[in-house]
Amino acid sequence: MITGIYFLLFAATIFAAPLTIARARQHDRRLQPAEDIDLDALSEEADTRFEDDADSYRKGER
């Protein structure tokens, strides 16, 4: 059974959600745009790490 306090909390949530979403959108507009990801640099870094890990494994380092 829904009691009075639960109904009030439910109603407050329903009416506060649009206000909160609007404030979140305003906040997001002020953020700086994300930088593009350099996929070539990421793959090069992954290759370098793989080679370094393979070299250390061959040398017996851990």
PDB file of N, CA and C in Angstrom:
ATOM      1  N   MET A   1       0.842  -1.182   0.000  1.00  0.00           N
ATOM      2  CA  MET A   1       0.000   0.000   0.000  1.00  0.00           C
ATOM      3  C   MET A   1       0.883   1.240   0.000  1.00  0.00           C
ATOM      4  N   ILE A   2       0.533   2.208  -0.771  1.00  0.00           N
ATOM      5  CA  ILE A   2       1.311   3.434  -0.856  1.00  0.00           C
ATOM      6  C   ILE A   2       0.841   4.381   0.243  1.00  0.00           C
ATOM      7  N   THR A   3       1.774   4.767   1.083  1.00  0.00           N
ATOM      8  CA  THR A   3       1.443   5.694   2.154  1.00  0.00           C
ATOM      9  C   THR A   3       1.657   7.120   1.677  1.00  0.00           C
ATOM     10  N   GLY A   4       1.295   8.079   2.498  1.00  0.00           N
ATOM     11  CA  GLY A   4       1.359   9.479   2.131  1.00  0.00           C
ATOM     12  C   GLY A   4       2.746   9.957   1.780  1.00  0.00           C
ATOM     13  N   ILE A   5       3.758   9.554   2.565  1.00  0.00           N
ATOM     14  CA  ILE A   5       5.126  10.032   2.321  1.00  0.00           C
ATOM     15  C   ILE A   5       5.661   9.472   1.007  1.00  0.00           C
ATOM     16  N   TYR A   6       5.350   8.223   0.709  1.00  0.00           N
ATOM     17  CA  TYR A   6       5.807   7.646  -0.552  1.00  0.00           C
ATOM     18  C   TYR A   6       5.155   8.336  -1.750  1.00  0.00           C
ATOM     19  N   PHE A   7       3.871   8.685  -1.600  1.00  0.00           N
ATOM     20  CA  PHE A   7       3.186   9.399  -2.675  1.00  0.00           C
ATOM     21  C   PHE A   7       3.803  10.776  -2.881  1.00  0.00           C
ATOM     22  N   LEU A   8       4.130  11.476  -1.804  1.00  0.00           N
ATOM     23  CA  LEU A   8       4.758  12.787  -1.918  1.00  0.00           C
ATOM     24  C   LEU A   8       6.129  12.697  -2.577  1.00  0.00           C
ATOM     25  N   LEU A   9       6.912  11.697  -2.190  1.00  0.00           N
ATOM     26  CA  LEU A   9       8.228  11.502  -2.812  1.00  0.00           C
ATOM     27  C   LEU A   9       8.089  11.161  -4.293  1.00  0.00           C
ATOM     28  N   PHE A  10       7.125  10.351  -4.619  1.00  0.00           N
ATOM     29  CA  PHE A  10       6.887   9.991  -6.011  1.00  0.00           C
ATOM     30  C   PHE A  10       6.499  11.220  -6.821  1.00  0.00           C
ATOM     31  N   ALA A  11       5.588  12.017  -6.301  1.00  0.00           N
ATOM     32  CA  ALA A  11       5.138  13.224  -7.001  1.00  0.00           C
ATOM     33  C   ALA A  11       6.289  14.216  -7.146  1.00  0.00           C
ATOM     34  N   ALA A  12       7.096  14.365  -6.117  1.00  0.00           N
ATOM     35  CA  ALA A  12       8.236  15.281  -6.184  1.00  0.00           C
ATOM     36  C   ALA A  12       9.230  14.819  -7.246  1.00  0.00           C
ATOM     37  N   THR A  13       9.438  13.519  -7.348  1.00  0.00           N
ATOM     38  CA  THR A  13      10.352  12.981  -8.356  1.00  0.00           C
ATOM     39  C   THR A  13       9.827  13.251  -9.764  1.00  0.00           C
ATOM     40  N   ILE A  14       8.544  13.045  -9.960  1.00  0.00           N
ATOM     41  CA  ILE A  14       7.943  13.259 -11.277  1.00  0.00           C
ATOM     42  C   ILE A  14       8.054  14.726 -11.699  1.00  0.00           C
ATOM     43  N   PHE A  15       7.830  15.650 -10.765  1.00  0.00           N
ATOM     44  CA  PHE A  15       7.864  17.065 -11.112  1.00  0.00           C
ATOM     45  C   PHE A  15       9.274  17.634 -11.127  1.00  0.00           C
ATOM     46  N   ALA A  16      10.199  17.043 -10.397  1.00  0.00           N
ATOM     47  CA  ALA A  16      11.566  17.569 -10.344  1.00  0.00           C
ATOM     48  C   ALA A  16      12.434  17.047 -11.487  1.00  0.00           C
ATOM     49  N   ALA A  17      12.073  15.929 -12.080  1.00  0.00           N
ATOM     50  CA  ALA A  17      12.902  15.338 -13.133  1.00  0.00           C
ATOM     51  C   ALA A  17      13.124  16.276 -14.316  1.00  0.00           C
ATOM     52  N   PRO A  18      12.091  16.915 -14.866  1.00  0.00           N
ATOM     53  CA  PRO A  18      12.339  17.827 -16.002  1.00  0.00           C
ATOM     54  C   PRO A  18      13.253  18.998 -15.630  1.00  0.00           C
ATOM     55  N   LEU A  19      13.120  19.501 -14.415  1.00  0.00           N
ATOM     56  CA  LEU A  19      13.986  20.597 -13.986  1.00  0.00           C
ATOM     57  C   LEU A  19      15.434  20.147 -13.898  1.00  0.00           C
ATOM     58  N   THR A  20      15.636  18.974 -13.370  1.00  0.00           N
ATOM     59  CA  THR A  20      16.990  18.444 -13.236  1.00  0.00           C
ATOM     60  C   THR A  20      17.601  18.159 -14.600  1.00  0.00           C
ATOM     61  N   ILE A  21      16.820  17.622 -15.501  1.00  0.00           N
ATOM     62  CA  ILE A  21      17.320  17.332 -16.849  1.00  0.00           C
ATOM     63  C   ILE A  21      17.689  18.620 -17.562  1.00  0.00           C
ATOM     64  N   ALA A  22      16.877  19.662 -17.409  1.00  0.00           N
ATOM     65  CA  ALA A  22      17.176  20.942 -18.044  1.00  0.00           C
ATOM     66  C   ALA A  22      18.477  21.531 -17.495  1.00  0.00           C
ATOM     67  N   ARG A  23      18.679  21.453 -16.200  1.00  0.00           N
ATOM     68  CA  ARG A  23      19.925  21.969 -15.608  1.00  0.00           C
ATOM     69  C   ARG A  23      21.121  21.148 -16.077  1.00  0.00           C
ATOM     70  N   ALA A  24      20.955  19.854 -16.236  1.00  0.00           N
ATOM     71  CA  ALA A  24      22.050  19.013 -16.710  1.00  0.00           C
ATOM     72  C   ALA A  24      22.417  19.363 -18.151  1.00  0.00           C
ATOM     73  N   ARG A  25      21.432  19.656 -18.971  1.00  0.00           N
ATOM     74  CA  ARG A  25      21.712  20.046 -20.359  1.00  0.00           C
ATOM     75  C   ARG A  25      22.446  21.382 -20.416  1.00  0.00           C
ATOM     76  N   GLN A  26      22.062  22.320 -19.555  1.00  0.00           N
ATOM     77  CA  GLN A  26      22.770  23.597 -19.511  1.00  0.00           C
ATOM     78  C   GLN A  26      24.225  23.384 -19.096  1.00  0.00           C
ATOM     79  N   HIS A  27      24.436  22.521 -18.140  1.00  0.00           N
ATOM     80  CA  HIS A  27      25.796  22.222 -17.684  1.00  0.00           C
ATOM     81  C   HIS A  27      26.613  21.596 -18.805  1.00  0.00           C
ATOM     82  N   ASP A  28      26.018  20.666 -19.532  1.00  0.00           N
ATOM     83  CA  ASP A  28      26.728  19.992 -20.619  1.00  0.00           C
ATOM     84  C   ASP A  28      27.104  20.953 -21.736  1.00  0.00           C
ATOM     85  N   ARG A  29      26.289  21.976 -21.977  1.00  0.00           N
ATOM     86  CA  ARG A  29      26.608  22.943 -23.016  1.00  0.00           C
ATOM     87  C   ARG A  29      27.858  23.735 -22.683  1.00  0.00           C
ATOM     88  N   ARG A  30      28.133  23.921 -21.398  1.00  0.00           N
ATOM     89  CA  ARG A  30      29.299  24.701 -20.991  1.00  0.00           C
ATOM     90  C   ARG A  30      30.595  23.897 -21.029  1.00  0.00           C
ATOM     91  N   LEU A  31      30.496  22.594 -21.135  1.00  0.00           N
ATOM     92  CA  LEU A  31      31.699  21.763 -21.165  1.00  0.00           C
ATOM     93  C   LEU A  31      32.422  21.933 -22.493  1.00  0.00           C
ATOM     94  N   GLN A  32      33.718  21.719 -22.451  1.00  0.00           N
ATOM     95  CA  GLN A  32      34.500  21.805 -23.682  1.00  0.00           C
ATOM     96  C   GLN A  32      34.233  20.569 -24.536  1.00  0.00           C
ATOM     97  N   PRO A  33      34.252  20.725 -25.850  1.00  0.00           N
ATOM     98  CA  PRO A  33      34.046  19.551 -26.702  1.00  0.00           C
ATOM     99  C   PRO A  33      35.205  18.557 -26.539  1.00  0.00           C
ATOM    100  N   ALA A  34      34.879  17.317 -26.681  1.00  0.00           N
ATOM    101  CA  ALA A  34      35.890  16.270 -26.540  1.00  0.00           C
ATOM    102  C   ALA A  34      36.860  16.307 -27.716  1.00  0.00           C
ATOM    103  N   GLU A  35      38.100  15.987 -27.431  1.00  0.00           N
ATOM    104  CA  GLU A  35      39.107  15.934 -28.493  1.00  0.00           C
ATOM    105  C   GLU A  35      38.976  14.629 -29.262  1.00  0.00           C
ATOM    106  N   ASP A  36      39.364  14.671 -30.522  1.00  0.00           N
ATOM    107  CA  ASP A  36      39.344  13.455 -31.322  1.00  0.00           C
ATOM    108  C   ASP A  36      40.380  12.468 -30.802  1.00  0.00           C
ATOM    109  N   ILE A  37      40.069  11.207 -30.916  1.00  0.00           N
ATOM    110  CA  ILE A  37      40.975  10.160 -30.466  1.00  0.00           C
ATOM    111  C   ILE A  37      41.890   9.785 -31.623  1.00  0.00           C
ATOM    112  N   ASP A  38      43.182   9.780 -31.353  1.00  0.00           N
ATOM    113  CA  ASP A  38      44.162   9.414 -32.364  1.00  0.00           C
ATOM    114  C   ASP A  38      44.328   7.897 -32.337  1.00  0.00           C
ATOM    115  N   LEU A  39      43.619   7.220 -33.214  1.00  0.00           N
ATOM    116  CA  LEU A  39      43.623   5.761 -33.215  1.00  0.00           C
ATOM    117  C   LEU A  39      44.973   5.192 -33.635  1.00  0.00           C
ATOM    118  N   ASP A  40      45.687   5.911 -34.496  1.00  0.00           N
ATOM    119  CA  ASP A  40      47.009   5.440 -34.913  1.00  0.00           C
ATOM    120  C   ASP A  40      47.971   5.434 -33.730  1.00  0.00           C
ATOM    121  N   ALA A  41      47.917   6.481 -32.905  1.00  0.00           N
ATOM    122  CA  ALA A  41      48.790   6.543 -31.731  1.00  0.00           C
ATOM    123  C   ALA A  41      48.426   5.453 -30.733  1.00  0.00           C
ATOM    124  N   LEU A  42      47.141   5.165 -30.587  1.00  0.00           N
ATOM    125  CA  LEU A  42      46.731   4.098 -29.672  1.00  0.00           C
ATOM    126  C   LEU A  42      47.236   2.736 -30.130  1.00  0.00           C
ATOM    127  N   SER A  43      47.104   2.458 -31.415  1.00  0.00           N
ATOM    128  CA  SER A  43      47.568   1.157 -31.908  1.00  0.00           C
ATOM    129  C   SER A  43      49.086   1.057 -31.829  1.00  0.00           C
ATOM    130  N   GLU A  44      49.785   2.173 -32.083  1.00  0.00           N
ATOM    131  CA  GLU A  44      51.247   2.168 -31.968  1.00  0.00           C
ATOM    132  C   GLU A  44      51.674   1.917 -30.519  1.00  0.00           C
ATOM    133  N   GLU A  45      50.977   2.526 -29.579  1.00  0.00           N
ATOM    134  CA  GLU A  45      51.287   2.315 -28.160  1.00  0.00           C
ATOM    135  C   GLU A  45      51.023   0.866 -27.762  1.00  0.00           C
ATOM    136  N   ALA A  46      49.933   0.294 -28.263  1.00  0.00           N
ATOM    137  CA  ALA A  46      49.628  -1.104 -27.954  1.00  0.00           C
ATOM    138  C   ALA A  46      50.699  -2.029 -28.527  1.00  0.00           C
ATOM    139  N   ASP A  47      51.156  -1.750 -29.750  1.00  0.00           N
ATOM    140  CA  ASP A  47      52.211  -2.568 -30.353  1.00  0.00           C
ATOM    141  C   ASP A  47      53.502  -2.462 -29.555  1.00  0.00           C
ATOM    142  N   THR A  48      53.837  -1.237 -29.139  1.00  0.00           N
ATOM    143  CA  THR A  48      55.061  -1.031 -28.360  1.00  0.00           C
ATOM    144  C   THR A  48      54.986  -1.769 -27.036  1.00  0.00           C
ATOM    145  N   ARG A  49      53.851  -1.694 -26.375  1.00  0.00           N
ATOM    146  CA  ARG A  49      53.699  -2.404 -25.099  1.00  0.00           C
ATOM    147  C   ARG A  49      53.798  -3.911 -25.295  1.00  0.00           C
ATOM    148  N   PHE A  50      53.184  -4.409 -26.366  1.00  0.00           N
ATOM    149  CA  PHE A  50      53.243  -5.839 -26.637  1.00  0.00           C
ATOM    150  C   PHE A  50      54.689  -6.277 -26.863  1.00  0.00           C
ATOM    151  N   GLU A  51      55.438  -5.499 -27.639  1.00  0.00           N
ATOM    152  CA  GLU A  51      56.839  -5.841 -27.903  1.00  0.00           C
ATOM    153  C   GLU A  51      57.669  -5.764 -26.614  1.00  0.00           C
ATOM    154  N   ASP A  52      57.440  -4.745 -25.789  1.00  0.00           N
ATOM    155  CA  ASP A  52      58.180  -4.629 -24.535  1.00  0.00           C
ATOM    156  C   ASP A  52      57.852  -5.779 -23.590  1.00  0.00           C
ATOM    157  N   ASP A  53      56.579  -6.172 -23.536  1.00  0.00           N
ATOM    158  CA  ASP A  53      56.195  -7.293 -22.692  1.00  0.00           C
ATOM    159  C   ASP A  53      56.811  -8.594 -23.194  1.00  0.00           C
ATOM    160  N   ALA A  54      56.848  -8.765 -24.518  1.00  0.00           N
ATOM    161  CA  ALA A  54      57.438  -9.980 -25.082  1.00  0.00           C
ATOM    162  C   ALA A  54      58.935 -10.021 -24.800  1.00  0.00           C
ATOM    163  N   ASP A  55      59.623  -8.872 -24.926  1.00  0.00           N
ATOM    164  CA  ASP A  55      61.058  -8.830 -24.632  1.00  0.00           C
ATOM    165  C   ASP A  55      61.333  -9.143 -23.172  1.00  0.00           C
ATOM    166  N   SER A  56      60.557  -8.577 -22.276  1.00  0.00           N
ATOM    167  CA  SER A  56      60.792  -8.827 -20.849  1.00  0.00           C
ATOM    168  C   SER A  56      60.472 -10.276 -20.495  1.00  0.00           C
ATOM    169  N   TYR A  57      59.480 -10.876 -21.165  1.00  0.00           N
ATOM    170  CA  TYR A  57      59.167 -12.279 -20.901  1.00  0.00           C
ATOM    171  C   TYR A  57      60.311 -13.174 -21.364  1.00  0.00           C
ATOM    172  N   ARG A  58      60.887 -12.861 -22.537  1.00  0.00           N
ATOM    173  CA  ARG A  58      62.024 -13.664 -23.036  1.00  0.00           C
ATOM    174  C   ARG A  58      63.235 -13.538 -22.133  1.00  0.00           C
ATOM    175  N   LYS A  59      63.415 -12.361 -21.541  1.00  0.00           N
ATOM    176  CA  LYS A  59      64.569 -12.156 -20.677  1.00  0.00           C
ATOM    177  C   LYS A  59      64.340 -12.700 -19.273  1.00  0.00           C
ATOM    178  N   GLY A  60      63.116 -13.135 -18.992  1.00  0.00           N
ATOM    179  CA  GLY A  60      62.819 -13.702 -17.692  1.00  0.00           C
ATOM    180  C   GLY A  60      62.414 -12.654 -16.655  1.00  0.00           C
ATOM    181  N   GLU A  61      62.166 -11.448 -17.093  1.00  0.00           N
ATOM    182  CA  GLU A  61      61.735 -10.400 -16.187  1.00  0.00           C
ATOM    183  C   GLU A  61      60.230 -10.422 -16.051  1.00  0.00           C
ATOM    184  N   ARG A  62      59.768 -10.089 -14.879  1.00  0.00           N
ATOM    185  CA  ARG A  62      58.308 -10.028 -14.682  1.00  0.00           C
ATOM    186  C   ARG A  62      57.964  -8.875 -13.829  1.00  0.00           C
TER     187      ARG A  62
END
